[in-house]
PDB file of N, CA and C in Angstrom:
ATOM      1  N   MET A   1     -39.130  -1.545  35.278  1.00  0.00           N
ATOM      2  CA  MET A   1     -40.386  -2.151  35.465  1.00  0.00           C
ATOM      3  C   MET A   1     -41.057  -1.437  36.596  1.00  0.00           C
ATOM      4  N   ASP A   2     -42.257  -0.834  36.392  1.00  0.00           N
ATOM      5  CA  ASP A   2     -42.981  -0.158  37.330  1.00  0.00           C
ATOM      6  C   ASP A   2     -44.026  -1.051  37.884  1.00  0.00           C
ATOM      7  N   ASN A   3     -43.745  -1.847  38.836  1.00  0.00           N
ATOM      8  CA  ASN A   3     -44.693  -2.737  39.503  1.00  0.00           C
ATOM      9  C   ASN A   3     -44.806  -2.444  40.949  1.00  0.00           C
ATOM     10  N   PRO A   4     -45.940  -1.909  41.484  1.00  0.00           N
ATOM     11  CA  PRO A   4     -46.006  -1.479  42.771  1.00  0.00           C
ATOM     12  C   PRO A   4     -45.765  -2.560  43.847  1.00  0.00           C
ATOM     13  N   GLY A   5     -45.878  -3.834  43.486  1.00  0.00           N
ATOM     14  CA  GLY A   5     -45.698  -4.870  44.391  1.00  0.00           C
ATOM     15  C   GLY A   5     -44.212  -5.100  44.660  1.00  0.00           C
ATOM     16  N   VAL A   6     -43.335  -4.505  43.901  1.00  0.00           N
ATOM     17  CA  VAL A   6     -41.899  -4.914  43.884  1.00  0.00           C
ATOM     18  C   VAL A   6     -41.021  -3.580  43.939  1.00  0.00           C
ATOM     19  N   ARG A   7     -41.654  -2.524  44.267  1.00  0.00           N
ATOM     20  CA  ARG A   7     -40.876  -1.242  44.381  1.00  0.00           C
ATOM     21  C   ARG A   7     -39.734  -1.238  45.288  1.00  0.00           C
ATOM     22  N   ASN A   8     -39.826  -1.918  46.416  1.00  0.00           N
ATOM     23  CA  ASN A   8     -38.688  -2.065  47.499  1.00  0.00           C
ATOM     24  C   ASN A   8     -37.712  -3.216  47.084  1.00  0.00           C
ATOM     25  N   MET A   9     -37.791  -3.760  45.972  1.00  0.00           N
ATOM     26  CA  MET A   9     -36.910  -4.809  45.716  1.00  0.00           C
ATOM     27  C   MET A   9     -35.654  -4.490  45.073  1.00  0.00           C
ATOM     28  N   SER A  10     -35.233  -3.166  44.950  1.00  0.00           N
ATOM     29  CA  SER A  10     -34.015  -2.840  44.307  1.00  0.00           C
ATOM     30  C   SER A  10     -32.783  -3.325  45.036  1.00  0.00           C
ATOM     31  N   THR A  11     -32.966  -3.876  46.354  1.00  0.00           N
ATOM     32  CA  THR A  11     -31.871  -4.511  46.895  1.00  0.00           C
ATOM     33  C   THR A  11     -31.532  -5.961  46.376  1.00  0.00           C
ATOM     34  N   LEU A  12     -32.345  -6.316  45.361  1.00  0.00           N
ATOM     35  CA  LEU A  12     -32.225  -7.773  44.867  1.00  0.00           C
ATOM     36  C   LEU A  12     -31.157  -7.708  43.708  1.00  0.00           C
ATOM     37  N   GLU A  13     -30.668  -6.535  43.298  1.00  0.00           N
ATOM     38  CA  GLU A  13     -29.681  -6.534  42.245  1.00  0.00           C
ATOM     39  C   GLU A  13     -28.445  -7.383  42.589  1.00  0.00           C
ATOM     40  N   GLY A  14     -28.130  -8.313  41.854  1.00  0.00           N
ATOM     41  CA  GLY A  14     -26.989  -9.114  42.122  1.00  0.00           C
ATOM     42  C   GLY A  14     -27.180 -10.318  43.086  1.00  0.00           C
ATOM     43  N   LYS A  15     -28.372 -10.414  43.712  1.00  0.00           N
ATOM     44  CA  LYS A  15     -28.729 -11.466  44.603  1.00  0.00           C
ATOM     45  C   LYS A  15     -28.909 -12.655  43.828  1.00  0.00           C
ATOM     46  N   ARG A  16     -28.827 -13.880  44.339  1.00  0.00           N
ATOM     47  CA  ARG A  16     -29.077 -15.134  43.886  1.00  0.00           C
ATOM     48  C   ARG A  16     -30.378 -15.663  44.198  1.00  0.00           C
ATOM     49  N   VAL A  17     -31.292 -15.888  43.217  1.00  0.00           N
ATOM     50  CA  VAL A  17     -32.618 -16.325  43.434  1.00  0.00           C
ATOM     51  C   VAL A  17     -32.866 -17.787  42.810  1.00  0.00           C
ATOM     52  N   LEU A  18     -33.380 -18.689  43.578  1.00  0.00           N
ATOM     53  CA  LEU A  18     -33.652 -19.994  43.075  1.00  0.00           C
ATOM     54  C   LEU A  18     -35.111 -20.078  42.989  1.00  0.00           C
ATOM     55  N   ILE A  19     -35.628 -20.532  41.804  1.00  0.00           N
ATOM     56  CA  ILE A  19     -37.016 -20.736  41.615  1.00  0.00           C
ATOM     57  C   ILE A  19     -37.463 -22.088  41.181  1.00  0.00           C
ATOM     58  N   THR A  20     -38.211 -22.917  41.808  1.00  0.00           N
ATOM     59  CA  THR A  20     -38.565 -24.122  41.300  1.00  0.00           C
ATOM     60  C   THR A  20     -39.898 -23.959  40.531  1.00  0.00           C
ATOM     61  N   GLY A  21     -40.181 -24.841  39.753  1.00  0.00           N
ATOM     62  CA  GLY A  21     -41.369 -24.843  38.908  1.00  0.00           C
ATOM     63  C   GLY A  21     -41.290 -23.477  37.933  1.00  0.00           C
ATOM     64  N   ALA A  22     -40.190 -23.251  37.486  1.00  0.00           N
ATOM     65  CA  ALA A  22     -39.896 -21.973  36.880  1.00  0.00           C
ATOM     66  C   ALA A  22     -40.291 -21.867  35.374  1.00  0.00           C
ATOM     67  N   SER A  23     -40.638 -23.017  34.794  1.00  0.00           N
ATOM     68  CA  SER A  23     -40.854 -22.948  33.347  1.00  0.00           C
ATOM     69  C   SER A  23     -42.150 -22.431  32.858  1.00  0.00           C
ATOM     70  N   SER A  24     -43.109 -22.279  33.855  1.00  0.00           N
ATOM     71  CA  SER A  24     -44.453 -21.798  33.420  1.00  0.00           C
ATOM     72  C   SER A  24     -45.260 -21.145  34.621  1.00  0.00           C
ATOM     73  N   GLY A  25     -46.292 -20.522  34.365  1.00  0.00           N
ATOM     74  CA  GLY A  25     -47.116 -20.046  35.477  1.00  0.00           C
ATOM     75  C   GLY A  25     -46.476 -19.014  36.325  1.00  0.00           C
ATOM     76  N   ILE A  26     -46.688 -19.313  37.709  1.00  0.00           N
ATOM     77  CA  ILE A  26     -46.248 -18.390  38.794  1.00  0.00           C
ATOM     78  C   ILE A  26     -44.752 -18.407  38.695  1.00  0.00           C
ATOM     79  N   GLY A  27     -44.115 -19.568  38.594  1.00  0.00           N
ATOM     80  CA  GLY A  27     -42.718 -19.672  38.653  1.00  0.00           C
ATOM     81  C   GLY A  27     -42.062 -18.764  37.562  1.00  0.00           C
ATOM     82  N   ARG A  28     -42.607 -18.888  36.321  1.00  0.00           N
ATOM     83  CA  ARG A  28     -42.124 -17.991  35.155  1.00  0.00           C
ATOM     84  C   ARG A  28     -42.307 -16.630  35.500  1.00  0.00           C
ATOM     85  N   ALA A  29     -43.476 -16.263  36.024  1.00  0.00           N
ATOM     86  CA  ALA A  29     -43.758 -14.798  36.358  1.00  0.00           C
ATOM     87  C   ALA A  29     -42.734 -14.304  37.418  1.00  0.00           C
ATOM     88  N   CYS A  30     -42.443 -15.150  38.338  1.00  0.00           N
ATOM     89  CA  CYS A  30     -41.534 -14.789  39.460  1.00  0.00           C
ATOM     90  C   CYS A  30     -39.996 -14.478  38.813  1.00  0.00           C
ATOM     91  N   ALA A  31     -39.733 -15.414  37.842  1.00  0.00           N
ATOM     92  CA  ALA A  31     -38.419 -15.308  37.239  1.00  0.00           C
ATOM     93  C   ALA A  31     -38.288 -13.983  36.435  1.00  0.00           C
ATOM     94  N   GLU A  32     -39.338 -13.526  35.759  1.00  0.00           N
ATOM     95  CA  GLU A  32     -39.464 -12.305  35.103  1.00  0.00           C
ATOM     96  C   GLU A  32     -39.330 -11.164  35.884  1.00  0.00           C
ATOM     97  N   VAL A  33     -39.988 -11.158  37.072  1.00  0.00           N
ATOM     98  CA  VAL A  33     -39.906 -10.030  38.046  1.00  0.00           C
ATOM     99  C   VAL A  33     -38.456  -9.894  38.718  1.00  0.00           C
ATOM    100  N   PHE A  34     -37.909 -11.032  39.080  1.00  0.00           N
ATOM    101  CA  PHE A  34     -36.700 -11.029  39.807  1.00  0.00           C
ATOM    102  C   PHE A  34     -35.589 -10.551  38.739  1.00  0.00           C
ATOM    103  N   ALA A  35     -35.689 -11.058  37.494  1.00  0.00           N
ATOM    104  CA  ALA A  35     -34.759 -10.732  36.406  1.00  0.00           C
ATOM    105  C   ALA A  35     -34.804  -9.191  36.157  1.00  0.00           C
ATOM    106  N   ALA A  36     -35.991  -8.687  36.217  1.00  0.00           N
ATOM    107  CA  ALA A  36     -36.123  -7.201  35.871  1.00  0.00           C
ATOM    108  C   ALA A  36     -35.452  -6.393  37.024  1.00  0.00           C
ATOM    109  N   GLU A  37     -35.402  -7.004  38.139  1.00  0.00           N
ATOM    110  CA  GLU A  37     -34.711  -6.289  39.374  1.00  0.00           C
ATOM    111  C   GLU A  37     -33.243  -6.596  39.303  1.00  0.00           C
ATOM    112  N   GLY A  38     -32.643  -7.261  38.431  1.00  0.00           N
ATOM    113  CA  GLY A  38     -31.365  -7.480  38.385  1.00  0.00           C
ATOM    114  C   GLY A  38     -30.708  -8.679  39.180  1.00  0.00           C
ATOM    115  N   ALA A  39     -31.657  -9.462  39.663  1.00  0.00           N
ATOM    116  CA  ALA A  39     -31.182 -10.691  40.493  1.00  0.00           C
ATOM    117  C   ALA A  39     -30.595 -11.807  39.375  1.00  0.00           C
ATOM    118  N   HIS A  40     -29.695 -12.611  39.860  1.00  0.00           N
ATOM    119  CA  HIS A  40     -29.107 -13.631  39.182  1.00  0.00           C
ATOM    120  C   HIS A  40     -30.072 -14.934  39.494  1.00  0.00           C
ATOM    121  N   LEU A  41     -30.311 -15.674  38.501  1.00  0.00           N
ATOM    122  CA  LEU A  41     -31.497 -16.672  38.624  1.00  0.00           C
ATOM    123  C   LEU A  41     -30.851 -18.078  38.541  1.00  0.00           C
ATOM    124  N   ILE A  42     -31.418 -19.024  39.260  1.00  0.00           N
ATOM    125  CA  ILE A  42     -31.241 -20.395  39.225  1.00  0.00           C
ATOM    126  C   ILE A  42     -32.682 -20.944  38.979  1.00  0.00           C
ATOM    127  N   LEU A  43     -32.879 -21.363  37.786  1.00  0.00           N
ATOM    128  CA  LEU A  43     -34.297 -21.783  37.431  1.00  0.00           C
ATOM    129  C   LEU A  43     -34.362 -23.429  37.357  1.00  0.00           C
ATOM    130  N   ILE A  44     -35.275 -23.929  38.033  1.00  0.00           N
ATOM    131  CA  ILE A  44     -35.458 -25.444  38.116  1.00  0.00           C
ATOM    132  C   ILE A  44     -36.952 -25.731  37.664  1.00  0.00           C
ATOM    133  N   ALA A  45     -36.922 -26.725  36.649  1.00  0.00           N
ATOM    134  CA  ALA A  45     -38.218 -27.170  36.193  1.00  0.00           C
ATOM    135  C   ALA A  45     -38.033 -28.587  35.595  1.00  0.00           C
ATOM    136  N   ARG A  46     -39.094 -29.226  35.159  1.00  0.00           N
ATOM    137  CA  ARG A  46     -38.888 -30.591  34.446  1.00  0.00           C
ATOM    138  C   ARG A  46     -38.777 -30.418  32.991  1.00  0.00           C
ATOM    139  N   ARG A  47     -39.246 -29.363  32.411  1.00  0.00           N
ATOM    140  CA  ARG A  47     -39.384 -29.253  30.925  1.00  0.00           C
ATOM    141  C   ARG A  47     -38.231 -28.460  30.402  1.00  0.00           C
ATOM    142  N   ARG A  48     -37.259 -29.302  29.963  1.00  0.00           N
ATOM    143  CA  ARG A  48     -36.053 -28.674  29.373  1.00  0.00           C
ATOM    144  C   ARG A  48     -36.133 -27.583  28.367  1.00  0.00           C
ATOM    145  N   LYS A  49     -37.027 -27.817  27.441  1.00  0.00           N
ATOM    146  CA  LYS A  49     -37.161 -26.841  26.303  1.00  0.00           C
ATOM    147  C   LYS A  49     -37.711 -25.409  26.780  1.00  0.00           C
ATOM    148  N   ARG A  50     -38.684 -25.517  27.583  1.00  0.00           N
ATOM    149  CA  ARG A  50     -39.324 -24.228  28.153  1.00  0.00           C
ATOM    150  C   ARG A  50     -38.232 -23.564  29.058  1.00  0.00           C
ATOM    151  N   LEU A  51     -37.575 -24.445  29.876  1.00  0.00           N
ATOM    152  CA  LEU A  51     -36.587 -23.839  30.814  1.00  0.00           C
ATOM    153  C   LEU A  51     -35.482 -23.147  30.054  1.00  0.00           C
ATOM    154  N   ASP A  52     -34.934 -23.830  29.061  1.00  0.00           N
ATOM    155  CA  ASP A  52     -33.783 -23.263  28.250  1.00  0.00           C
ATOM    156  C   ASP A  52     -34.274 -22.043  27.524  1.00  0.00           C
ATOM    157  N   GLU A  53     -35.492 -21.967  26.999  1.00  0.00           N
ATOM    158  CA  GLU A  53     -35.958 -20.886  26.285  1.00  0.00           C
ATOM    159  C   GLU A  53     -36.137 -19.698  27.219  1.00  0.00           C
ATOM    160  N   LEU A  54     -36.616 -19.840  28.399  1.00  0.00           N
ATOM    161  CA  LEU A  54     -36.960 -18.846  29.467  1.00  0.00           C
ATOM    162  C   LEU A  54     -35.490 -18.399  29.780  1.00  0.00           C
ATOM    163  N   GLY A  55     -34.506 -19.235  30.150  1.00  0.00           N
ATOM    164  CA  GLY A  55     -33.246 -18.720  30.539  1.00  0.00           C
ATOM    165  C   GLY A  55     -32.519 -17.849  29.467  1.00  0.00           C
ATOM    166  N   ALA A  56     -32.696 -18.256  28.258  1.00  0.00           N
ATOM    167  CA  ALA A  56     -32.087 -17.453  27.152  1.00  0.00           C
ATOM    168  C   ALA A  56     -32.750 -16.150  26.985  1.00  0.00           C
ATOM    169  N   GLU A  57     -34.094 -16.141  27.099  1.00  0.00           N
ATOM    170  CA  GLU A  57     -34.882 -14.876  26.994  1.00  0.00           C
ATOM    171  C   GLU A  57     -34.452 -13.884  28.121  1.00  0.00           C
ATOM    172  N   LEU A  58     -34.384 -14.392  29.317  1.00  0.00           N
ATOM    173  CA  LEU A  58     -34.102 -13.434  30.406  1.00  0.00           C
ATOM    174  C   LEU A  58     -32.686 -12.907  30.377  1.00  0.00           C
ATOM    175  N   LYS A  59     -31.660 -13.758  29.986  1.00  0.00           N
ATOM    176  CA  LYS A  59     -30.358 -13.273  29.815  1.00  0.00           C
ATOM    177  C   LYS A  59     -30.176 -12.239  28.814  1.00  0.00           C
ATOM    178  N   GLU A  60     -30.900 -12.456  27.673  1.00  0.00           N
ATOM    179  CA  GLU A  60     -30.841 -11.337  26.642  1.00  0.00           C
ATOM    180  C   GLU A  60     -31.623 -10.123  27.059  1.00  0.00           C
ATOM    181  N   LYS A  61     -32.743 -10.258  27.568  1.00  0.00           N
ATOM    182  CA  LYS A  61     -33.542  -9.073  27.896  1.00  0.00           C
ATOM    183  C   LYS A  61     -32.977  -8.221  29.046  1.00  0.00           C
ATOM    184  N   TYR A  62     -32.334  -8.919  30.101  1.00  0.00           N
ATOM    185  CA  TYR A  62     -31.955  -8.196  31.331  1.00  0.00           C
ATOM    186  C   TYR A  62     -30.443  -8.302  31.527  1.00  0.00           C
ATOM    187  N   GLY A  63     -29.679  -9.015  30.741  1.00  0.00           N
ATOM    188  CA  GLY A  63     -28.278  -9.118  30.979  1.00  0.00           C
ATOM    189  C   GLY A  63     -27.809  -9.672  32.230  1.00  0.00           C
ATOM    190  N   ILE A  64     -28.630 -10.674  32.833  1.00  0.00           N
ATOM    191  CA  ILE A  64     -28.259 -11.237  34.135  1.00  0.00           C
ATOM    192  C   ILE A  64     -27.796 -12.674  33.851  1.00  0.00           C
ATOM    193  N   SER A  65     -27.282 -13.323  34.858  1.00  0.00           N
ATOM    194  CA  SER A  65     -26.844 -14.665  34.679  1.00  0.00           C
ATOM    195  C   SER A  65     -27.969 -15.605  35.058  1.00  0.00           C
ATOM    196  N   VAL A  66     -28.083 -16.621  34.305  1.00  0.00           N
ATOM    197  CA  VAL A  66     -29.283 -17.529  34.513  1.00  0.00           C
ATOM    198  C   VAL A  66     -28.667 -19.001  34.488  1.00  0.00           C
ATOM    199  N   GLU A  67     -28.889 -19.721  35.516  1.00  0.00           N
ATOM    200  CA  GLU A  67     -28.525 -21.166  35.464  1.00  0.00           C
ATOM    201  C   GLU A  67     -29.898 -21.948  35.395  1.00  0.00           C
ATOM    202  N   THR A  68     -29.915 -22.986  34.569  1.00  0.00           N
ATOM    203  CA  THR A  68     -31.040 -23.795  34.440  1.00  0.00           C
ATOM    204  C   THR A  68     -30.740 -25.194  34.906  1.00  0.00           C
ATOM    205  N   ILE A  69     -31.649 -25.823  35.598  1.00  0.00           N
ATOM    206  CA  ILE A  69     -31.476 -27.134  36.137  1.00  0.00           C
ATOM    207  C   ILE A  69     -32.720 -27.927  35.770  1.00  0.00           C
ATOM    208  N   VAL A  70     -32.665 -28.945  34.946  1.00  0.00           N
ATOM    209  CA  VAL A  70     -33.815 -29.774  34.705  1.00  0.00           C
ATOM    210  C   VAL A  70     -33.917 -30.859  35.731  1.00  0.00           C
ATOM    211  N   LEU A  71     -35.155 -30.784  36.410  1.00  0.00           N
ATOM    212  CA  LEU A  71     -35.146 -31.649  37.633  1.00  0.00           C
ATOM    213  C   LEU A  71     -36.617 -31.875  38.034  1.00  0.00           C
ATOM    214  N   ASP A  72     -36.990 -32.955  38.517  1.00  0.00           N
ATOM    215  CA  ASP A  72     -38.293 -33.285  39.145  1.00  0.00           C
ATOM    216  C   ASP A  72     -38.100 -33.191  40.560  1.00  0.00           C
ATOM    217  N   VAL A  73     -38.588 -32.182  41.325  1.00  0.00           N
ATOM    218  CA  VAL A  73     -38.356 -32.032  42.652  1.00  0.00           C
ATOM    219  C   VAL A  73     -39.059 -33.039  43.585  1.00  0.00           C
ATOM    220  N   ARG A  74     -39.897 -33.829  42.963  1.00  0.00           N
ATOM    221  CA  ARG A  74     -40.466 -35.035  43.764  1.00  0.00           C
ATOM    222  C   ARG A  74     -39.433 -36.158  43.981  1.00  0.00           C
ATOM    223  N   GLN A  75     -38.266 -36.041  43.244  1.00  0.00           N
ATOM    224  CA  GLN A  75     -37.326 -37.216  43.355  1.00  0.00           C
ATOM    225  C   GLN A  75     -36.148 -36.595  44.258  1.00  0.00           C
ATOM    226  N   ARG A  76     -36.296 -36.847  45.526  1.00  0.00           N
ATOM    227  CA  ARG A  76     -35.291 -36.221  46.572  1.00  0.00           C
ATOM    228  C   ARG A  76     -33.832 -36.644  46.224  1.00  0.00           C
ATOM    229  N   PRO A  77     -33.432 -37.769  45.843  1.00  0.00           N
ATOM    230  CA  PRO A  77     -32.043 -38.085  45.539  1.00  0.00           C
ATOM    231  C   PRO A  77     -31.550 -37.200  44.462  1.00  0.00           C
ATOM    232  N   ALA A  78     -32.467 -37.028  43.411  1.00  0.00           N
ATOM    233  CA  ALA A  78     -32.064 -36.138  42.341  1.00  0.00           C
ATOM    234  C   ALA A  78     -31.828 -34.711  42.658  1.00  0.00           C
ATOM    235  N   VAL A  79     -32.798 -34.246  43.584  1.00  0.00           N
ATOM    236  CA  VAL A  79     -32.607 -32.793  44.110  1.00  0.00           C
ATOM    237  C   VAL A  79     -31.330 -32.715  44.883  1.00  0.00           C
ATOM    238  N   GLU A  80     -31.083 -33.618  45.796  1.00  0.00           N
ATOM    239  CA  GLU A  80     -29.754 -33.497  46.564  1.00  0.00           C
ATOM    240  C   GLU A  80     -28.544 -33.527  45.720  1.00  0.00           C
ATOM    241  N   GLU A  81     -28.555 -34.340  44.669  1.00  0.00           N
ATOM    242  CA  GLU A  81     -27.396 -34.429  43.833  1.00  0.00           C
ATOM    243  C   GLU A  81     -27.291 -33.121  42.987  1.00  0.00           C
ATOM    244  N   ALA A  82     -28.417 -32.708  42.307  1.00  0.00           N
ATOM    245  CA  ALA A  82     -28.430 -31.456  41.563  1.00  0.00           C
ATOM    246  C   ALA A  82     -27.938 -30.156  42.380  1.00  0.00           C
ATOM    247  N   LEU A  83     -28.345 -30.112  43.543  1.00  0.00           N
ATOM    248  CA  LEU A  83     -28.028 -28.929  44.343  1.00  0.00           C
ATOM    249  C   LEU A  83     -26.703 -28.910  44.962  1.00  0.00           C
ATOM    250  N   LYS A  84     -25.890 -30.056  44.892  1.00  0.00           N
ATOM    251  CA  LYS A  84     -24.530 -30.097  45.418  1.00  0.00           C
ATOM    252  C   LYS A  84     -23.680 -29.039  44.876  1.00  0.00           C
ATOM    253  N   GLY A  85     -23.668 -28.637  43.653  1.00  0.00           N
ATOM    254  CA  GLY A  85     -22.906 -27.655  43.084  1.00  0.00           C
ATOM    255  C   GLY A  85     -23.428 -26.201  43.062  1.00  0.00           C
ATOM    256  N   VAL A  86     -24.583 -26.025  43.629  1.00  0.00           N
ATOM    257  CA  VAL A  86     -25.217 -24.757  43.742  1.00  0.00           C
ATOM    258  C   VAL A  86     -24.792 -24.044  44.973  1.00  0.00           C
ATOM    259  N   GLU A  87     -24.275 -22.715  44.811  1.00  0.00           N
ATOM    260  CA  GLU A  87     -23.897 -21.948  45.877  1.00  0.00           C
ATOM    261  C   GLU A  87     -25.097 -21.411  46.654  1.00  0.00           C
ATOM    262  N   ALA A  88     -24.807 -20.889  47.875  1.00  0.00           N
ATOM    263  CA  ALA A  88     -25.871 -20.396  48.599  1.00  0.00           C
ATOM    264  C   ALA A  88     -26.765 -19.386  47.847  1.00  0.00           C
ATOM    265  N   VAL A  89     -28.025 -19.352  48.098  1.00  0.00           N
ATOM    266  CA  VAL A  89     -28.955 -18.474  47.480  1.00  0.00           C
ATOM    267  C   VAL A  89     -29.482 -17.508  48.453  1.00  0.00           C
ATOM    268  N   ASP A  90     -29.890 -16.272  47.944  1.00  0.00           N
ATOM    269  CA  ASP A  90     -30.482 -15.263  48.866  1.00  0.00           C
ATOM    270  C   ASP A  90     -31.962 -15.379  48.938  1.00  0.00           C
ATOM    271  N   VAL A  91     -32.655 -15.913  47.991  1.00  0.00           N
ATOM    272  CA  VAL A  91     -34.145 -15.999  47.873  1.00  0.00           C
ATOM    273  C   VAL A  91     -34.448 -17.353  47.351  1.00  0.00           C
ATOM    274  N   LEU A  92     -35.387 -18.012  47.981  1.00  0.00           N
ATOM    275  CA  LEU A  92     -35.817 -19.245  47.468  1.00  0.00           C
ATOM    276  C   LEU A  92     -37.387 -19.184  47.203  1.00  0.00           C
ATOM    277  N   ILE A  93     -37.835 -19.354  45.891  1.00  0.00           N
ATOM    278  CA  ILE A  93     -39.342 -19.386  45.487  1.00  0.00           C
ATOM    279  C   ILE A  93     -39.470 -20.879  45.282  1.00  0.00           C
ATOM    280  N   ASN A  94     -40.038 -21.585  46.324  1.00  0.00           N
ATOM    281  CA  ASN A  94     -40.364 -22.966  46.148  1.00  0.00           C
ATOM    282  C   ASN A  94     -41.799 -23.214  45.596  1.00  0.00           C
ATOM    283  N   ASN A  95     -41.860 -23.210  44.310  1.00  0.00           N
ATOM    284  CA  ASN A  95     -43.100 -23.148  43.613  1.00  0.00           C
ATOM    285  C   ASN A  95     -43.581 -24.478  42.870  1.00  0.00           C
ATOM    286  N   ALA A  96     -42.732 -25.560  42.997  1.00  0.00           N
ATOM    287  CA  ALA A  96     -42.994 -26.773  42.306  1.00  0.00           C
ATOM    288  C   ALA A  96     -43.340 -27.827  43.320  1.00  0.00           C
ATOM    289  N   GLY A  97     -43.950 -28.871  42.841  1.00  0.00           N
ATOM    290  CA  GLY A  97     -44.300 -30.058  43.516  1.00  0.00           C
ATOM    291  C   GLY A  97     -45.760 -30.168  43.748  1.00  0.00           C
ATOM    292  N   LEU A  98     -46.164 -31.216  44.613  1.00  0.00           N
ATOM    293  CA  LEU A  98     -47.577 -31.485  44.722  1.00  0.00           C
ATOM    294  C   LEU A  98     -47.952 -31.296  46.317  1.00  0.00           C
ATOM    295  N   ALA A  99     -49.134 -30.865  46.540  1.00  0.00           N
ATOM    296  CA  ALA A  99     -49.543 -30.895  47.900  1.00  0.00           C
ATOM    297  C   ALA A  99     -50.567 -32.035  48.026  1.00  0.00           C
ATOM    298  N   LEU A 100     -50.035 -33.173  48.362  1.00  0.00           N
ATOM    299  CA  LEU A 100     -50.838 -34.281  48.477  1.00  0.00           C
ATOM    300  C   LEU A 100     -51.774 -34.207  49.626  1.00  0.00           C
ATOM    301  N   GLY A 101     -52.970 -34.610  49.389  1.00  0.00           N
ATOM    302  CA  GLY A 101     -54.069 -34.650  50.487  1.00  0.00           C
ATOM    303  C   GLY A 101     -54.719 -33.190  50.641  1.00  0.00           C
ATOM    304  N   MET A 102     -54.460 -32.282  49.854  1.00  0.00           N
ATOM    305  CA  MET A 102     -55.039 -30.999  49.944  1.00  0.00           C
ATOM    306  C   MET A 102     -55.994 -30.835  48.734  1.00  0.00           C
ATOM    307  N   GLY A 103     -57.052 -30.152  48.959  1.00  0.00           N
ATOM    308  CA  GLY A 103     -58.079 -29.764  47.914  1.00  0.00           C
ATOM    309  C   GLY A 103     -57.606 -28.645  47.118  1.00  0.00           C
ATOM    310  N   ARG A 104     -58.398 -28.238  46.215  1.00  0.00           N
ATOM    311  CA  ARG A 104     -58.147 -27.046  45.281  1.00  0.00           C
ATOM    312  C   ARG A 104     -58.076 -25.821  46.190  1.00  0.00           C
ATOM    313  N   VAL A 105     -57.107 -24.891  45.776  1.00  0.00           N
ATOM    314  CA  VAL A 105     -56.978 -23.681  46.537  1.00  0.00           C
ATOM    315  C   VAL A 105     -58.320 -22.945  46.744  1.00  0.00           C
ATOM    316  N   GLN A 106     -59.031 -22.755  45.669  1.00  0.00           N
ATOM    317  CA  GLN A 106     -60.279 -22.092  45.752  1.00  0.00           C
ATOM    318  C   GLN A 106     -61.378 -22.710  46.596  1.00  0.00           C
ATOM    319  N   GLU A 107     -61.186 -24.024  46.928  1.00  0.00           N
ATOM    320  CA  GLU A 107     -62.289 -24.758  47.712  1.00  0.00           C
ATOM    321  C   GLU A 107     -61.602 -24.918  49.066  1.00  0.00           C
ATOM    322  N   ALA A 108     -60.497 -24.478  49.503  1.00  0.00           N
ATOM    323  CA  ALA A 108     -59.889 -24.722  50.774  1.00  0.00           C
ATOM    324  C   ALA A 108     -60.509 -23.856  51.825  1.00  0.00           C
ATOM    325  N   ASN A 109     -60.416 -24.300  53.074  1.00  0.00           N
ATOM    326  CA  ASN A 109     -60.898 -23.508  54.174  1.00  0.00           C
ATOM    327  C   ASN A 109     -59.655 -22.620  54.591  1.00  0.00           C
ATOM    328  N   PRO A 110     -59.795 -21.244  54.529  1.00  0.00           N
ATOM    329  CA  PRO A 110     -58.794 -20.416  54.880  1.00  0.00           C
ATOM    330  C   PRO A 110     -58.295 -20.453  56.333  1.00  0.00           C
ATOM    331  N   ASP A 111     -59.175 -21.090  57.215  1.00  0.00           N
ATOM    332  CA  ASP A 111     -58.736 -21.172  58.515  1.00  0.00           C
ATOM    333  C   ASP A 111     -57.808 -22.339  58.856  1.00  0.00           C
ATOM    334  N   HIS A 112     -57.530 -23.211  57.949  1.00  0.00           N
ATOM    335  CA  HIS A 112     -56.625 -24.359  58.072  1.00  0.00           C
ATOM    336  C   HIS A 112     -55.270 -24.121  57.516  1.00  0.00           C
TER     337      HIS A 112
END
């Protein structure tokens, strides 16, 4: 993958990357990039079907290991329980959840 933004990511081969909100959008795009670099993925999202499809696709395309966890990160007890069995990760992409009290990104004041 010739992506100028990730040229120096070759050190990610074999690293463990956990991505929340992984079933679509930015999370899915991150999963694709890290998979292409040889990272082993732990993908978390609420939508089982999308998550399972993505995991299978990335395993087949890149030959990496992918663990999927169906989880709503807004439920703290469920997060704590689900992550008990997860070994340490090298990279965390915390892409899920809500930013309560915040406006839309395009309307936000960049000084805050």
